[in-house]
Structures are given as C-alpha cells and as structure tokens.
C-alpha cells in the first residue's frame, strides 16, 4: 500500500504526513500526486522537510509518480520542477509511474543533473512562476553551486563572502517580485538587511546542516534547498488565513491594511541535517545528553542557545553563526519567522515582538500561539532545520 503525499502543500498536511510515517511499513512506496492547489505560507518548506524525514526513516525509498503513465517525459518534468519532488527523487532508490511499468530513476537523474548544472548559470536558480530556488545535493559531486561556493584548485569548495551571496538572494527576490507583478522592489537598505539574514542562515546551514554526528563525515544522502516565493493575496484570503493558520493569525491581521491585496516575499532554507538539538548533542564530549534527557523544554533551551550564542565575542563554530543578526534584521523588515527542528515548531512575529539588544531570543509555540517558555507542544520529530520568513511588500501606485 502506497504512502500518499498530500495534494495540498500546507504545514498541517505535511505534519499529518509525518504522523503517517510512524505507522507505515518500511516497504510501502511513496506516492507523489499531481498538486491540485497552491501552497500556503511555509508549505513548500514543510513539504521538503517532510520528504527529508521520509528519506531518513526509510530503507527502501521507492517513489510512485502520479500523472499519465503514457508520457514519461511529462512525469519526469513534473518531478524535477517541484522542490519537494526533486528532493524525493534525490533520496529515492527507485522511481516508477502509477502502473509500475517503467523505472524512471535513470531518466530523472539525468534531468536533475542538467537542472543542477543550469541553476549554476542563473543568478536566481530554478524558477516556476514566482518561486525561485536552488538545490544543493550534498552527497553528489555537484553539491557546491558556483553561485555560493568558490572552487580553489586542489582545495575543498568554500562558501562565498557576504557580498556575493547577497547578490544571489537579491536576484532571487527581485525575480519573484517581478513575476508577482504590481509590487515595489525592496529599498536598497531593506535588501541589504535581507541579504545579511540569508547569509547568516546559509552559513549556519552549511556548517551545521550538512554533517553527520562526526563533523568530518558528510551526510549521505544529504541535501539543502533555498527558495524565494512571491505571495499575492486578496483581502478576503488574508482574513480567512488569519482565522485558520496557526501562528500567523496575529501577524496577518496586523498586515491586513485597507488595500484590496497584500503582498509578501517568503524566503526559506531547509537542510537534512541533525537539527539544532541533535547537532548540539553530537558536538558535546558527552553525547549521552540526547538519550537521557528527552524533556521538550530542554530541547527548546538548546535551540535558544543556538540563536543567542553569537551575541558575545565567542568564535566557536559549534555554537551557531550569527543567528541574532537574523532576528535583528527581521525586526527592521517587520518580518515573521517560523522554525521547525526536532520536536519543536516555533514562530516569532517581529512586529509585536521586536528584537532588542541582549534579547533572550524567545519564540512562540506554533500550535497554541502561547510563549514557548510557558507552553510547548511536543511535535513528531523531523529531520534537519527549516527556517522560513515573511517580509511585507508595498503595492505599486
């Protein structure tokens, strides 16, 4: 019996899929249907993280692709053009159509290789509508996109500096805004803030989201995705989502002004690493902490430690990479952030909870919308870290 992935890319539907993983037999293939609805905020990121969780928990990793089995080319295009399906294909051992008549994996791998090479020649990566994205297949020979990494001769690839990575995210965001239409580009200062946010998250993912428990070992399979996406919603849709989408409700209400539509840029970075808590445990000399302390509040305290670590002069790379800067810049941009890692699903609205110097970096629980230090909802564990944020945009006059 196949394990069906949702046609709706929403946070809730992806959490439901993760819940099904626990009871599904290891040999059950994953069925990827053709989507029939648009994704909601964080839906693409949640789908990628759900797929990564599936891949890490499964030995067989067989995929069935929905669609017309008579046209293999269309099926392959469908797989490689959607970030979560692309990620599933990179984790899979076998890919078939709904009739199980053809093994599509060799064809998909060739198409994926061409796409990875092509994204390295584009400043905004792969593009589908207002969605622009880069995939990093860390277990392959093509995991180090030249937009983000230098390739010194006879040396390991190295991440590029802030200015270059800021240029890439600028290109992605501008492309998403252009495709969305009728929206002002971000001001130069705002774009600089956004570039710094993304640089810090990218470096954090590179340092902590690609390695196994032993830092000299790269995760195999392992992958990361970054994307920007333009969101253009009528006032009625904002009102509806403010009532139904956990965590986002107060933020959307604060952004629902008198105009008929509201526009946002959504940016996310997702990895398939150990996650904040497991990474921290693996880096300790005594790695028994994870096995002996399953308190959800302790897990939250470790996540906060990752976000507060570089408020001091510490240069220990095991402590994170400038995550307080992310919160500071999101405050300047009136942003919203969601974090999913381990058993935690958290958010922070930087309009109502702006970052201040020596901020304790507290979050809110996504499910209850209560301060996390007071009430936490233990979620089913997921693979890696997913950080997604929203930035409001202005309509062209």
Protein backbone atom coordinates (compact mmCIF):
# COMPACT_ATOMS: atom_id res chain seq x y z
CA UNK A 1 0.00 0.00 0.00
CA UNK A 2 1.41 3.38 -1.01
CA UNK A 3 2.07 6.20 1.43
CA UNK A 4 0.26 9.17 -0.13
CA UNK A 5 1.72 12.65 -0.03
CA UNK A 6 -0.84 15.44 0.19
CA UNK A 7 -2.06 17.42 -2.82
CA UNK A 8 -2.18 20.49 -0.54
CA UNK A 9 1.18 21.96 0.38
CA UNK A 10 0.30 23.28 3.82
CA UNK A 11 2.06 22.99 7.16
CA UNK A 12 -0.83 20.97 8.60
CA UNK A 13 -0.97 18.48 5.72
CA UNK A 14 2.78 17.90 5.96
CA UNK A 15 2.54 17.31 9.71
CA UNK A 16 -0.21 14.76 9.01
CA UNK A 17 2.10 13.01 6.54
CA UNK A 18 4.87 12.85 9.16
CA UNK A 19 2.38 11.27 11.57
CA UNK A 20 1.58 8.57 8.99
CA UNK A 21 5.27 7.71 8.62
CA UNK A 22 5.43 6.23 12.11
CA UNK A 23 2.84 3.53 11.34
CA UNK A 24 3.57 2.85 7.66
CA UNK A 25 5.54 -0.32 6.82
CA UNK A 26 9.09 0.26 5.63
CA UNK A 27 8.39 -1.31 2.24
CA UNK A 28 5.47 0.99 1.39
CA UNK A 29 6.33 3.22 -1.58
CA UNK A 30 5.76 6.98 -1.50
CA UNK A 31 3.05 8.20 -3.89
CA UNK A 32 3.58 11.74 -5.18
CA UNK A 33 0.35 13.08 -6.72
CA UNK A 34 -0.02 15.98 -9.10
CA UNK A 35 -0.85 19.01 -6.95
CA UNK A 36 -4.30 20.50 -7.35
CA UNK A 37 -3.92 23.51 -5.07
CA UNK A 38 -1.46 26.29 -4.33
CA UNK A 39 0.80 26.14 -1.32
CA UNK A 40 0.17 28.24 1.79
CA UNK A 41 2.81 30.05 3.83
CA UNK A 42 5.62 27.65 4.69
CA UNK A 43 4.03 24.84 2.68
CA UNK A 44 6.94 24.34 0.29
CA UNK A 45 9.43 24.29 3.18
CA UNK A 46 7.24 21.93 5.22
CA UNK A 47 6.90 19.60 2.22
CA UNK A 48 10.67 19.46 1.69
CA UNK A 49 11.27 18.76 5.38
CA UNK A 50 8.60 16.06 5.39
CA UNK A 51 10.26 14.42 2.38
CA UNK A 52 13.67 14.59 4.08
CA UNK A 53 12.14 12.96 7.16
CA UNK A 54 10.66 10.21 4.97
CA UNK A 55 14.00 9.62 3.27
CA UNK A 56 15.97 9.40 6.52
CA UNK A 57 13.49 6.95 8.07
CA UNK A 58 13.15 4.58 5.11
CA UNK A 59 15.44 1.86 3.81
CA UNK A 60 13.66 1.11 0.51
CA UNK A 61 12.76 4.62 -0.65
CA UNK A 62 10.62 3.79 -3.66
CA UNK A 63 8.55 6.55 -5.31
CA UNK A 64 5.44 6.32 -7.47
CA UNK A 65 4.80 9.45 -9.54
CA UNK A 66 1.18 10.42 -10.21
CA UNK A 67 0.08 11.53 -13.66
CA UNK A 68 -0.38 9.96 -17.07
CA UNK A 69 1.89 6.89 -17.31
CA UNK A 70 1.80 7.17 -21.12
CA UNK A 71 4.05 10.23 -21.12
CA UNK A 72 7.28 9.57 -19.24
CA UNK A 73 8.74 12.93 -20.25
CA UNK A 74 5.87 14.79 -18.57
CA UNK A 75 6.30 12.73 -15.41
CA UNK A 76 10.00 13.48 -15.29
CA UNK A 77 9.39 17.21 -15.80
CA UNK A 78 6.81 17.14 -13.01
CA UNK A 79 9.31 15.53 -10.63
CA UNK A 80 12.27 17.81 -11.26
CA UNK A 81 10.28 21.08 -11.42
CA UNK A 82 8.83 20.93 -7.87
CA UNK A 83 11.29 21.34 -4.97
CA UNK A 84 9.81 18.64 -2.71
CA UNK A 85 9.50 16.15 -5.57
CA UNK A 86 13.03 16.94 -6.69
CA UNK A 87 14.23 16.23 -3.14
CA UNK A 88 12.29 12.96 -3.04
CA UNK A 89 13.88 11.85 -6.29
CA UNK A 90 17.37 12.61 -4.96
CA UNK A 91 16.67 10.38 -1.95
CA UNK A 92 14.98 7.57 -3.87
CA UNK A 93 16.30 4.18 -4.92
CA UNK A 94 13.52 3.54 -7.44
CA UNK A 95 11.02 5.81 -9.25
CA UNK A 96 8.08 4.42 -11.24
CA UNK A 97 4.86 5.60 -12.86
CA UNK A 98 1.47 4.63 -11.42
CA UNK A 99 1.48 1.40 -13.44
CA UNK A 100 4.92 0.49 -12.09
CA UNK A 101 5.78 -0.25 -15.70
CA UNK A 102 8.94 1.83 -16.05
CA UNK A 103 11.84 2.67 -13.75
CA UNK A 104 12.14 6.42 -14.26
CA UNK A 105 15.09 6.92 -11.93
CA UNK A 106 17.84 6.93 -14.59
CA UNK A 107 15.88 9.47 -16.67
CA UNK A 108 15.11 11.60 -13.61
CA UNK A 109 18.77 11.56 -12.56
CA UNK A 110 19.87 12.80 -15.98
CA UNK A 111 17.25 15.56 -15.92
CA UNK A 112 18.22 16.52 -12.37
CA UNK A 113 21.88 16.70 -13.34
CA UNK A 114 21.05 19.07 -16.19
CA UNK A 115 18.96 21.24 -13.87
CA UNK A 116 21.70 21.46 -11.23
CA UNK A 117 24.20 22.48 -13.91
CA UNK A 118 21.72 25.01 -15.30
CA UNK A 119 20.96 26.64 -11.95
CA UNK A 120 24.66 27.39 -11.53
CA UNK A 121 24.45 29.58 -14.63
CA UNK A 122 21.50 31.58 -13.30
CA UNK A 123 21.57 34.24 -10.60
CA UNK A 124 18.09 33.27 -9.41
CA UNK A 125 18.34 29.50 -9.82
CA UNK A 126 15.44 27.38 -10.94
CA UNK A 127 12.15 29.16 -11.46
CA UNK A 128 8.48 28.21 -11.59
CA UNK A 129 6.17 31.23 -11.50
CA UNK A 130 7.24 33.49 -8.62
CA UNK A 131 9.06 30.57 -6.95
CA UNK A 132 12.86 30.71 -7.39
CA UNK A 133 15.01 28.01 -5.83
CA UNK A 134 18.43 26.41 -5.58
CA UNK A 135 19.00 22.77 -4.67
CA UNK A 136 22.23 21.53 -3.09
CA UNK A 137 22.62 17.76 -3.38
CA UNK A 138 25.36 17.44 -0.80
CA UNK A 139 26.03 13.73 -1.38
CA UNK A 140 26.74 14.31 -5.08
CA UNK A 141 29.70 15.78 -6.93
CA UNK A 142 27.51 18.78 -7.84
CA UNK A 143 26.50 19.91 -4.39
CA UNK A 144 28.55 23.11 -4.43
CA UNK A 145 26.79 25.57 -6.70
CA UNK A 146 29.25 28.16 -8.02
CA UNK A 147 26.89 30.99 -7.08
CA UNK A 148 27.50 30.09 -3.44
CA UNK A 149 30.90 28.39 -3.40
CA UNK A 150 34.38 29.05 -4.72
CA UNK A 151 36.34 26.10 -6.08
CA UNK A 152 40.06 26.67 -5.38
CA UNK A 153 42.32 24.27 -7.24
CA UNK A 154 43.26 21.23 -5.14
CA UNK A 155 41.18 22.53 -2.22
CA UNK A 156 37.71 21.89 -0.87
CA UNK A 157 34.96 24.28 -2.07
CA UNK A 158 34.49 27.25 0.24
CA UNK A 159 31.36 29.37 0.83
CA UNK A 160 31.47 32.76 -0.86
CA UNK A 161 31.53 36.00 1.09
CA UNK A 162 28.55 38.11 2.11
CA UNK A 163 28.58 40.40 -0.95
CA UNK A 164 28.33 37.56 -3.47
CA UNK A 165 25.63 35.65 -1.60
CA UNK A 166 23.70 38.89 -1.07
CA UNK A 167 23.80 39.39 -4.85
CA UNK A 168 22.22 35.97 -5.39
CA UNK A 169 19.40 36.46 -2.90
CA UNK A 170 18.80 39.92 -4.37
CA UNK A 171 18.39 38.34 -7.81
CA UNK A 172 16.03 35.67 -6.46
CA UNK A 173 13.84 38.15 -4.59
CA UNK A 174 13.73 40.63 -7.48
CA UNK A 175 12.72 37.85 -9.87
CA UNK A 176 9.96 36.66 -7.53
CA UNK A 177 8.66 40.21 -7.18
CA UNK A 178 8.81 40.85 -10.94
CA UNK A 179 6.81 37.70 -11.69
CA UNK A 180 4.27 38.53 -8.98
CA UNK A 181 3.71 41.96 -10.56
CA UNK A 182 2.30 45.29 -9.34
CA UNK A 183 4.74 45.29 -6.42
CA UNK A 184 7.55 47.66 -5.48
CA UNK A 185 11.05 46.26 -5.24
CA UNK A 186 12.58 46.40 -1.78
CA UNK A 187 14.52 49.54 -0.90
CA UNK A 188 18.30 49.25 -1.00
CA UNK A 189 18.65 49.24 2.79
CA UNK A 190 15.93 46.61 3.15
CA UNK A 191 17.58 44.43 0.52
CA UNK A 192 20.86 44.75 2.42
CA UNK A 193 19.10 43.57 5.60
CA UNK A 194 17.61 40.65 3.68
CA UNK A 195 20.99 39.72 2.24
CA UNK A 196 22.55 39.63 5.70
CA UNK A 197 19.70 37.47 7.02
CA UNK A 198 20.12 34.99 4.24
CA UNK A 199 23.92 34.92 4.51
CA UNK A 200 23.73 34.03 8.21
CA UNK A 201 21.17 31.28 7.60
CA UNK A 202 23.11 29.90 4.64
CA UNK A 203 26.36 29.76 6.61
CA UNK A 204 24.57 28.16 9.55
CA UNK A 205 23.12 25.51 7.25
CA UNK A 206 26.48 24.92 5.56
CA UNK A 207 28.29 24.48 8.88
CA UNK A 208 25.67 22.56 10.82
CA UNK A 209 23.17 21.08 8.35
CA UNK A 210 25.47 19.03 6.13
CA UNK A 211 27.49 16.87 8.53
CA UNK A 212 26.84 13.65 10.40
CA UNK A 213 27.46 13.19 14.12
CA UNK A 214 31.17 13.26 13.34
CA UNK A 215 31.76 16.59 11.65
CA UNK A 216 34.30 15.18 9.23
CA UNK A 217 31.57 12.97 7.72
CA UNK A 218 29.14 14.48 5.22
CA UNK A 219 25.59 13.20 5.40
CA UNK A 220 24.78 10.69 2.67
CA UNK A 221 22.22 11.22 1.37
CA UNK A 222 22.02 14.88 2.27
CA UNK A 223 20.53 17.94 0.63
CA UNK A 224 19.58 21.57 1.16
CA UNK A 225 17.11 23.85 -0.60
CA UNK A 226 16.73 27.61 -0.55
CA UNK A 227 13.87 29.47 -2.16
CA UNK A 228 12.11 32.80 -2.54
CA UNK A 229 8.43 32.98 -3.38
CA UNK A 230 6.10 35.88 -4.08
CA UNK A 231 2.76 35.77 -2.24
CA UNK A 232 -0.10 37.92 -3.54
CA UNK A 233 -3.35 37.56 -1.61
CA UNK A 234 -6.69 39.38 -1.75
CA UNK A 235 -8.00 40.86 1.48
CA UNK A 236 -10.60 38.09 1.85
CA UNK A 237 -7.89 35.42 1.70
CA UNK A 238 -5.86 37.27 4.33
CA UNK A 239 -8.93 37.38 6.59
CA UNK A 240 -9.52 33.64 6.12
CA UNK A 241 -5.92 32.65 6.73
CA UNK A 242 -5.75 34.89 9.78
CA UNK A 243 -8.51 32.74 11.25
CA UNK A 244 -7.20 29.31 10.20
CA UNK A 245 -3.38 29.39 10.04
CA UNK A 246 -1.77 28.77 13.40
CA UNK A 247 0.93 31.14 14.47
CA UNK A 248 0.31 33.52 11.60
CA UNK A 249 -3.04 34.85 12.74
CA UNK A 250 -1.98 37.99 14.63
CA UNK A 251 0.75 38.82 12.12
CA UNK A 252 -1.64 38.61 9.16
CA UNK A 253 -4.19 40.73 10.99
CA UNK A 254 -1.55 43.39 11.60
CA UNK A 255 -0.65 43.36 7.89
CA UNK A 256 -4.20 43.50 6.57
CA UNK A 257 -4.49 47.20 5.78
CA UNK A 258 -7.07 49.00 3.67
CA UNK A 259 -5.73 47.85 0.29
CA UNK A 260 -7.53 45.12 -1.63
CA UNK A 261 -4.46 42.89 -1.76
CA UNK A 262 -1.40 42.17 0.38
CA UNK A 263 1.95 41.08 -0.97
CA UNK A 264 4.82 39.31 0.76
CA UNK A 265 8.12 37.72 -0.12
CA UNK A 266 8.65 34.33 1.52
CA UNK A 267 12.19 33.02 1.89
CA UNK A 268 13.24 29.68 3.32
CA UNK A 269 16.28 27.49 3.80
CA UNK A 270 15.89 23.80 4.58
CA UNK A 271 18.54 21.19 5.32
CA UNK A 272 18.53 17.46 6.04
CA UNK A 273 20.99 17.61 8.93
CA UNK A 274 20.69 16.61 12.56
CA UNK A 275 18.67 19.63 13.65
CA UNK A 276 19.60 22.14 16.35
CA UNK A 277 19.28 19.80 19.34
CA UNK A 278 20.87 16.66 17.90
CA UNK A 279 23.67 18.73 16.39
CA UNK A 280 24.37 20.27 19.79
CA UNK A 281 24.36 16.85 21.46
CA UNK A 282 26.70 15.42 18.83
CA UNK A 283 29.16 18.27 19.40
CA UNK A 284 29.40 17.65 23.14
CA UNK A 285 32.14 15.49 24.61
CA UNK A 286 29.42 13.59 26.47
CA UNK A 287 26.89 12.59 23.83
CA UNK A 288 24.61 10.85 26.32
CA UNK A 289 22.54 14.03 26.81
CA UNK A 290 20.22 13.24 23.92
CA UNK A 291 19.44 9.75 25.18
CA UNK A 292 18.99 10.67 28.84
CA UNK A 293 17.20 14.00 28.59
CA UNK A 294 14.06 13.93 26.46
CA UNK A 295 12.48 16.96 28.11
CA UNK A 296 10.97 19.23 25.45
CA UNK A 297 11.85 22.31 27.49
CA UNK A 298 15.49 21.25 27.46
CA UNK A 299 15.36 20.88 23.69
CA UNK A 300 13.93 24.40 23.47
CA UNK A 301 16.68 25.77 25.71
CA UNK A 302 19.29 24.33 23.32
CA UNK A 303 17.58 25.91 20.32
CA UNK A 304 17.60 29.28 22.09
CA UNK A 305 21.28 28.78 22.87
CA UNK A 306 21.90 28.42 19.13
CA UNK A 307 20.11 31.72 18.50
CA UNK A 308 21.80 33.66 21.29
CA UNK A 309 25.34 32.28 21.01
CA UNK A 310 26.93 34.97 18.85
CA UNK A 311 25.69 37.85 20.99
CA UNK A 312 29.07 37.52 22.69
CA UNK A 313 32.56 37.51 21.21
CA UNK A 314 32.66 33.71 21.08
CA UNK A 315 34.08 32.35 17.84
CA UNK A 316 33.34 28.66 18.44
CA UNK A 317 31.81 27.39 15.20
CA UNK A 318 29.86 24.74 17.11
CA UNK A 319 27.73 27.47 18.68
CA UNK A 320 25.97 28.78 15.61
CA UNK A 321 26.70 31.52 13.13
CA UNK A 322 25.29 34.91 13.89
CA UNK A 323 21.64 33.96 14.32
CA UNK A 324 20.92 37.02 16.50
CA UNK A 325 21.64 39.09 13.38
CA UNK A 326 18.76 37.31 11.66
CA UNK A 327 16.33 38.41 14.37
CA UNK A 328 17.68 41.96 14.40
CA UNK A 329 17.25 42.36 10.63
CA UNK A 330 13.80 40.74 10.62
CA UNK A 331 12.73 43.37 13.16
CA UNK A 332 13.90 46.11 10.79
CA UNK A 333 11.88 44.49 7.97
CA UNK A 334 8.67 43.92 10.02
CA UNK A 335 9.14 40.23 9.35
CA UNK A 336 7.77 36.94 10.60
CA UNK A 337 9.77 33.74 11.15
CA UNK A 338 8.87 30.09 11.60
CA UNK A 339 11.37 27.45 12.75
CA UNK A 340 10.81 23.67 12.65
CA UNK A 341 13.51 21.46 14.14
CA UNK A 342 13.37 18.22 16.10
CA UNK A 343 10.15 18.19 18.12
CA UNK A 344 9.78 21.96 18.06
CA UNK A 345 7.52 24.08 15.86
CA UNK A 346 8.02 27.75 16.73
CA UNK A 347 7.48 31.24 15.40
CA UNK A 348 8.15 34.86 16.18
CA UNK A 349 6.29 37.93 14.95
CA UNK A 350 8.83 40.75 14.84
CA UNK A 351 6.13 43.41 14.59
CA UNK A 352 4.68 42.60 18.01
CA UNK A 353 7.89 41.10 19.45
CA UNK A 354 10.81 43.16 18.06
CA UNK A 355 14.37 42.08 18.72
CA UNK A 356 16.28 44.19 21.27
CA UNK A 357 19.92 44.15 22.44
CA UNK A 358 20.67 41.13 24.67
CA UNK A 359 17.35 39.66 23.59
CA UNK A 360 16.67 36.23 25.19
CA UNK A 361 15.51 35.04 21.74
CA UNK A 362 12.19 33.68 22.93
CA UNK A 363 9.71 32.16 20.49
CA UNK A 364 6.05 31.24 20.48
CA UNK A 365 4.59 27.75 20.13
CA UNK A 366 3.10 27.31 16.64
CA UNK A 367 0.15 25.19 17.79
CA UNK A 368 -1.00 27.07 20.89
CA UNK A 369 0.29 30.56 19.96
CA UNK A 370 1.49 30.85 23.56
CA UNK A 371 5.00 31.90 24.68
CA UNK A 372 7.22 28.85 24.29
CA UNK A 373 8.78 29.28 27.73
CA UNK A 374 5.29 28.83 29.21
CA UNK A 375 3.83 26.13 26.96
CA UNK A 376 5.36 23.86 24.32
CA UNK A 377 3.62 21.33 22.10
CA UNK A 378 5.83 18.25 21.53
CA UNK A 379 5.66 17.56 17.80
CA UNK A 380 6.74 14.42 16.00
CA UNK A 381 10.47 14.70 15.27
CA UNK A 382 11.58 15.89 11.85
CA UNK A 383 14.89 15.76 10.03
CA UNK A 384 17.03 18.88 9.79
CA UNK A 385 16.11 22.51 10.22
CA UNK A 386 13.57 24.56 8.30
CA UNK A 387 13.63 28.34 8.73
CA UNK A 388 11.02 30.32 6.81
CA UNK A 389 10.24 34.01 6.99
CA UNK A 390 7.82 36.52 5.52
CA UNK A 391 8.59 40.11 4.58
CA UNK A 392 5.73 42.51 3.67
CA UNK A 393 5.95 44.33 0.34
CA UNK A 394 4.39 47.53 -0.95
CA UNK A 395 1.97 47.74 -3.83
CA UNK A 396 2.90 49.88 -6.82
CA UNK A 397 0.79 53.01 -7.01
